[in-house]
Amino acid sequence: MRNLIVFIGLVFSIAVVGQEDILVPKTNKGKIFVYWGWNRGYYSNSDIHFTGDNYDFILKDVVAKDRQTKFNVDPYFNPSRITIPQTNFKAGYFISEKYNISFGVDHMKYVMKQNQDAIINGSIGIEGNDFNGMYQDEIIKLTTDFLIFEHTDGLNYVNIEINRFDNLAQLFPNKFPLEINITEGFGIGGLYPKTNARLLSFEQHDDYNIAGFGTSAKVGIDIAFLKHFFLRFEGKAGYINLPNIKTTFVSADKANQQFFFLQRNFLFGGIFRIGK
C-alpha cells in the first residue's frame, strides 16, 4: 500500500507539471480508451439452491466475501501473474463528445465463508452420505465436509457499458487547474465464473461455465495527465443472477443463486485518437 501511495503521488506531480497542456481545448468524439485496475468487492447474503440426483436443498442467507490479494509488485505488475488479483479491464470508444461505449471484464472473486451456520431446507438421500435426511428450517454448519463453494478464478462479469463523461473544467471554468472528469454508466453482461466447489461426497469440481447474467451502474472520477493518460476512482453496484452453476462432474448437478454486489475500483489507462 505504501508503494501505491508513492505511485499516486508521482502521478499527481506529473499532472500538475503538465497542466498547461491538459487545458488545451479538445474533443472526445472518435477517441478510443483502455484501462486496467483492481477492485475490492462486497456481496449481499444469498440463498443457494443445490439440485441433483437424490438431493434438493436450499441454504438460506449464505455469507460470502471477496479474496483480496496482498498488494505487491508481484503479482500486481507481473505480466505473467496480473490476473491473480481482482481486476477490471475495459476498452471503449467515444461515439460523441460526452458518451462512450465500452467492453470488458470485471474479474471479481466470491468466497463462501467457511464454517458459518446456515438454515437448510430440503432433502439429501445420497447412498452412504453422512448428511442424508429431510431438513425443515434446521441449522447446519457449512464445514468443508459438507460444502466448499467459491467463484475464485473468478466471478467473471463480461459486460458492455454505455457511459457519460463530463469535464468539470468545462462545467466550472477557471475552477480546476487539472483536467478532472466525472463519469457515470450502466452495464449489462454475462457471468462466466470458474467455480471451485466440493459438495457432500462428490469429487471437487473447478471449471469455467456460462452461469448467468448481471447488470450494473457506476460512477467515477478521473484525473488526466500528460494529455493521454488518466487515473480513475470508481464505485460500482450491481445485481447478479446465476441459474446454472456447475458444482460436480455429474451433468444433472447444479446450483443457482442471486445477489447484489458493490465494487471499489482503482484504475489507470490511456485515451487516444484514431487517425486525424
Protein backbone atom coordinates (compact mmCIF):
# COMPACT_ATOMS: atom_id res chain seq x y z
CA MET A 1 0.00 0.00 0.00
CA ARG A 2 2.87 2.38 0.73
CA ASN A 3 4.19 1.76 -2.81
CA LEU A 4 0.73 2.54 -4.21
CA ILE A 5 0.57 5.85 -2.33
CA VAL A 6 4.01 6.83 -3.66
CA PHE A 7 2.87 5.93 -7.20
CA ILE A 8 -0.25 8.10 -6.88
CA GLY A 9 1.85 10.98 -5.55
CA LEU A 10 4.19 10.81 -8.54
CA VAL A 11 1.27 10.81 -10.96
CA PHE A 12 -0.24 13.90 -9.33
CA SER A 13 3.14 15.65 -9.58
CA ILE A 14 3.32 14.89 -13.28
CA ALA A 15 -0.26 16.11 -13.71
CA VAL A 16 0.49 19.46 -12.10
CA VAL A 17 3.60 19.98 -14.23
CA GLY A 18 1.65 19.21 -17.39
CA GLN A 19 -1.48 21.19 -16.57
CA GLU A 20 -1.00 23.82 -19.31
CA ASP A 21 -1.07 21.13 -21.99
CA ILE A 22 -4.10 19.49 -20.38
CA LEU A 23 -6.19 22.65 -20.62
CA VAL A 24 -5.86 22.87 -24.42
CA PRO A 25 -9.45 22.61 -25.80
CA LYS A 26 -10.16 19.29 -27.47
CA THR A 27 -12.96 16.96 -28.41
CA ASN A 28 -13.53 13.39 -27.26
CA LYS A 29 -15.56 12.11 -30.21
CA GLY A 30 -13.66 9.44 -32.13
CA LYS A 31 -11.20 8.64 -29.34
CA ILE A 32 -10.52 5.16 -28.00
CA PHE A 33 -9.52 4.33 -24.45
CA VAL A 34 -8.23 1.36 -22.50
CA TYR A 35 -7.88 0.92 -18.77
CA TRP A 36 -6.80 -1.67 -16.24
CA GLY A 37 -7.07 -1.75 -12.48
CA TRP A 38 -8.16 -3.53 -9.35
CA ASN A 39 -11.35 -3.92 -7.38
CA ARG A 40 -12.48 -4.61 -3.85
CA GLY A 41 -15.82 -6.47 -3.76
CA TYR A 42 -18.70 -6.79 -1.31
CA TYR A 43 -21.67 -9.17 -1.65
CA SER A 44 -25.14 -9.40 -0.17
CA ASN A 45 -26.17 -12.64 1.54
CA SER A 46 -27.85 -15.09 -0.82
CA ASP A 47 -29.93 -18.26 -0.90
CA ILE A 48 -28.16 -21.07 -2.77
CA HIS A 49 -30.28 -23.88 -4.22
CA PHE A 50 -28.50 -27.19 -4.90
CA THR A 51 -30.19 -29.84 -7.06
CA GLY A 52 -29.15 -33.21 -8.47
CA ASP A 53 -29.90 -36.91 -8.39
CA ASN A 54 -31.03 -37.78 -4.85
CA TYR A 55 -30.72 -34.31 -3.35
CA ASP A 56 -32.56 -31.00 -3.47
CA PHE A 57 -31.94 -28.40 -0.78
CA ILE A 58 -31.63 -24.66 -0.17
CA LEU A 59 -29.15 -22.87 2.09
CA LYS A 60 -30.56 -19.57 3.32
CA ASP A 61 -28.72 -16.23 3.70
CA VAL A 62 -25.25 -17.59 2.95
CA VAL A 63 -22.45 -15.12 3.73
CA ALA A 64 -19.62 -14.57 1.25
CA LYS A 65 -16.71 -12.17 0.78
CA ASP A 66 -14.08 -11.35 -1.81
CA ARG A 67 -10.48 -12.61 -1.76
CA GLN A 68 -8.13 -9.66 -1.89
CA THR A 69 -4.55 -10.42 -2.94
CA LYS A 70 -1.96 -8.63 -0.80
CA PHE A 71 -0.58 -5.65 -2.70
CA ASN A 72 2.93 -6.16 -4.06
CA VAL A 73 4.79 -5.54 -7.31
CA ASP A 74 4.41 -9.27 -7.92
CA PRO A 75 1.72 -10.20 -8.86
CA TYR A 76 0.08 -6.79 -9.42
CA PHE A 77 2.62 -5.68 -12.05
CA ASN A 78 4.00 -9.07 -13.14
CA PRO A 79 2.71 -9.67 -16.73
CA SER A 80 2.54 -13.42 -16.17
CA ARG A 81 0.54 -13.09 -12.92
CA ILE A 82 -1.52 -9.90 -13.25
CA THR A 83 -4.82 -11.83 -13.43
CA ILE A 84 -4.31 -13.29 -9.93
CA PRO A 85 -5.66 -10.17 -8.11
CA GLN A 86 -9.23 -8.95 -8.53
CA THR A 87 -9.01 -6.87 -11.71
CA ASN A 88 -11.02 -4.71 -14.10
CA PHE A 89 -10.30 -4.33 -17.82
CA LYS A 90 -12.14 -2.12 -20.31
CA ALA A 91 -11.68 -0.87 -23.87
CA GLY A 92 -14.03 1.71 -25.30
CA TYR A 93 -14.87 4.27 -27.97
CA PHE A 94 -16.35 7.77 -27.74
CA ILE A 95 -19.39 7.90 -30.03
CA SER A 96 -19.90 11.58 -29.18
CA GLU A 97 -18.34 14.31 -27.06
CA LYS A 98 -19.96 13.07 -23.84
CA TYR A 99 -20.91 9.43 -24.46
CA ASN A 100 -18.86 6.28 -24.97
CA ILE A 101 -19.42 2.56 -25.14
CA SER A 102 -17.00 0.04 -23.64
CA PHE A 103 -16.49 -3.70 -23.36
CA GLY A 104 -14.51 -5.60 -20.78
CA VAL A 105 -14.33 -7.96 -17.82
CA ASP A 106 -14.74 -7.39 -14.11
CA HIS A 107 -12.69 -10.20 -12.56
CA MET A 108 -14.17 -10.48 -9.06
CA LYS A 109 -13.76 -13.27 -6.52
CA TYR A 110 -16.59 -14.73 -4.45
CA VAL A 111 -15.80 -16.95 -1.47
CA MET A 112 -18.41 -18.53 0.76
CA LYS A 113 -17.48 -18.04 4.41
CA GLN A 114 -16.44 -21.44 5.71
CA ASN A 115 -17.88 -22.93 8.96
CA GLN A 116 -20.76 -20.47 9.13
CA ASP A 117 -24.18 -21.58 10.36
CA ALA A 118 -26.94 -21.58 7.74
CA ILE A 119 -30.60 -22.56 7.60
CA ILE A 120 -31.23 -25.58 5.37
CA ASN A 121 -34.48 -26.76 3.78
CA GLY A 122 -34.89 -29.83 1.56
CA SER A 123 -33.62 -33.36 1.34
CA ILE A 124 -30.39 -35.32 0.84
CA GLY A 125 -30.53 -39.05 0.01
CA ILE A 126 -27.13 -40.00 -1.38
CA GLU A 127 -26.09 -43.55 -0.54
CA GLY A 128 -23.60 -43.67 2.33
CA ASN A 129 -23.61 -39.90 2.92
CA ASP A 130 -23.38 -38.60 6.49
CA PHE A 131 -25.72 -35.68 5.77
CA ASN A 132 -28.69 -37.70 4.48
CA GLY A 133 -32.06 -36.62 5.80
CA MET A 134 -35.07 -34.33 5.47
CA TYR A 135 -34.49 -30.72 6.59
CA GLN A 136 -37.03 -28.08 7.56
CA ASP A 137 -35.61 -24.76 8.79
CA GLU A 138 -32.73 -26.53 10.52
CA ILE A 139 -29.31 -25.06 11.29
CA ILE A 140 -26.31 -26.67 9.65
CA LYS A 141 -22.62 -25.74 9.89
CA LEU A 142 -21.02 -25.34 6.47
CA THR A 143 -17.88 -27.36 7.14
CA THR A 144 -15.52 -28.47 4.39
CA ASP A 145 -17.04 -31.96 4.62
CA PHE A 146 -20.41 -30.51 3.68
CA LEU A 147 -19.60 -27.71 1.20
CA ILE A 148 -16.79 -25.65 -0.31
CA PHE A 149 -18.20 -23.02 -2.66
CA GLU A 150 -16.14 -20.34 -4.43
CA HIS A 151 -16.07 -18.41 -7.70
CA THR A 152 -12.39 -17.58 -7.39
CA ASP A 153 -10.87 -17.55 -10.84
CA GLY A 154 -13.16 -15.80 -10.76
CA LEU A 155 -16.64 -14.34 -10.70
CA ASN A 156 -16.09 -13.05 -14.25
CA TYR A 157 -18.62 -10.40 -15.29
CA VAL A 158 -18.19 -9.93 -19.06
CA ASN A 159 -20.09 -6.74 -19.81
CA ILE A 160 -20.80 -3.89 -22.18
CA GLU A 161 -21.39 -0.40 -20.83
CA ILE A 162 -22.65 2.94 -22.03
CA ASN A 163 -21.15 5.86 -20.14
CA ARG A 164 -21.50 9.63 -19.89
CA PHE A 165 -18.35 11.72 -19.50
CA ASP A 166 -18.18 15.32 -18.23
CA ASN A 167 -15.14 17.56 -17.86
CA LEU A 168 -15.51 19.64 -14.69
CA ALA A 169 -13.33 22.40 -16.17
CA GLN A 170 -15.99 22.91 -18.84
CA LEU A 171 -18.79 22.96 -16.28
CA PHE A 172 -16.95 25.31 -13.90
CA PRO A 173 -14.44 27.41 -15.88
CA ASN A 174 -11.29 28.55 -14.06
CA LYS A 175 -12.07 26.39 -11.02
CA PHE A 176 -9.94 23.36 -11.84
CA PRO A 177 -6.23 23.65 -12.79
CA LEU A 178 -6.20 19.95 -13.75
CA GLU A 179 -8.46 18.04 -16.11
CA ILE A 180 -10.90 16.31 -13.77
CA ASN A 181 -13.69 14.28 -15.29
CA ILE A 182 -16.85 12.72 -13.88
CA THR A 183 -18.25 9.58 -15.50
CA GLU A 184 -21.43 7.59 -14.93
CA GLY A 185 -22.55 4.46 -16.69
CA PHE A 186 -24.82 1.45 -16.96
CA GLY A 187 -23.74 -2.06 -17.93
CA ILE A 188 -25.19 -5.45 -18.76
CA GLY A 189 -23.48 -8.76 -19.44
CA GLY A 190 -22.95 -12.42 -18.78
CA LEU A 191 -21.24 -14.32 -15.97
CA TYR A 192 -18.50 -16.82 -16.84
CA PRO A 193 -17.21 -17.97 -13.44
CA LYS A 194 -14.64 -20.61 -12.65
CA THR A 195 -16.45 -22.26 -9.76
CA ASN A 196 -14.45 -24.24 -7.24
CA ALA A 197 -16.95 -26.46 -5.40
CA ARG A 198 -16.88 -29.59 -3.29
CA LEU A 199 -20.36 -30.75 -2.42
CA LEU A 200 -21.10 -33.58 0.02
CA SER A 201 -19.27 -36.75 -1.08
CA PHE A 202 -18.74 -35.69 -4.71
CA GLU A 203 -15.35 -35.09 -6.30
CA GLN A 204 -14.18 -31.47 -6.17
CA HIS A 205 -15.15 -29.54 -9.30
CA ASP A 206 -13.22 -26.47 -10.54
CA ASP A 207 -14.03 -25.31 -14.06
CA TYR A 208 -15.41 -22.45 -16.17
CA ASN A 209 -19.08 -22.31 -17.09
CA ILE A 210 -21.58 -19.86 -18.56
CA ALA A 211 -23.65 -19.46 -15.42
CA GLY A 212 -25.91 -16.40 -15.73
CA PHE A 213 -26.19 -12.66 -16.23
CA GLY A 214 -25.73 -9.37 -14.46
CA THR A 215 -26.46 -5.65 -14.59
CA SER A 216 -24.56 -2.76 -13.03
CA ALA A 217 -24.35 1.00 -12.58
CA LYS A 218 -21.28 3.04 -11.72
CA VAL A 219 -19.93 6.50 -11.02
CA GLY A 220 -16.30 7.56 -11.16
CA ILE A 221 -13.89 10.47 -11.14
CA ASP A 222 -10.68 10.56 -13.14
CA ILE A 223 -7.68 12.83 -13.29
CA ALA A 224 -5.89 13.22 -16.62
CA PHE A 225 -2.16 13.80 -17.04
CA LEU A 226 0.28 14.14 -19.97
CA LYS A 227 -2.75 14.58 -22.29
CA HIS A 228 -3.23 10.84 -22.92
CA PHE A 229 -3.33 9.14 -19.51
CA PHE A 230 -5.61 9.08 -16.50
CA LEU A 231 -6.21 7.70 -13.03
CA ARG A 232 -9.79 6.79 -12.10
CA PHE A 233 -11.51 6.07 -8.81
CA GLU A 234 -14.81 4.31 -9.34
CA GLY A 235 -17.75 2.92 -7.38
CA LYS A 236 -19.98 0.27 -8.93
CA ALA A 237 -23.13 -1.53 -7.78
CA GLY A 238 -24.89 -4.39 -9.49
CA TYR A 239 -27.09 -7.45 -9.50
CA ILE A 240 -26.01 -10.98 -10.44
CA ASN A 241 -28.27 -13.94 -11.24
CA LEU A 242 -26.62 -17.36 -11.63
CA PRO A 243 -29.20 -20.04 -12.55
CA ASN A 244 -26.67 -22.52 -13.98
CA ILE A 245 -23.70 -23.04 -11.64
CA LYS A 246 -21.84 -26.32 -12.15
CA THR A 247 -20.95 -27.96 -8.83
CA THR A 248 -19.88 -31.52 -9.78
CA PHE A 249 -18.87 -33.53 -12.83
CA VAL A 250 -22.39 -35.02 -13.00
CA SER A 251 -24.37 -33.19 -15.69
CA ALA A 252 -27.62 -33.18 -13.65
CA ASP A 253 -26.00 -31.45 -10.66
CA LYS A 254 -26.15 -27.67 -10.45
CA ALA A 255 -26.77 -24.74 -8.13
CA ASN A 256 -28.41 -21.36 -8.52
CA GLN A 257 -28.18 -18.11 -6.60
CA GLN A 258 -28.67 -14.37 -6.98
CA PHE A 259 -27.16 -11.47 -5.08
CA PHE A 260 -26.11 -7.83 -5.19
CA PHE A 261 -22.54 -6.60 -5.27
CA LEU A 262 -20.53 -3.44 -4.67
CA GLN A 263 -17.07 -2.60 -6.01
CA ARG A 264 -14.44 -0.01 -5.13
CA ASN A 265 -12.12 0.33 -8.12
CA PHE A 266 -8.72 1.93 -8.68
CA LEU A 267 -7.92 2.17 -12.40
CA PHE A 268 -5.35 3.64 -14.75
CA GLY A 269 -5.44 3.93 -18.52
CA GLY A 270 -4.86 5.82 -21.72
CA ILE A 271 -7.02 7.67 -24.26
CA PHE A 272 -6.02 8.26 -27.88
CA ARG A 273 -7.50 9.41 -31.17
CA ILE A 274 -7.78 7.13 -34.17
CA GLY A 275 -6.32 8.86 -37.24
CA LYS A 276 -6.52 12.65 -37.52
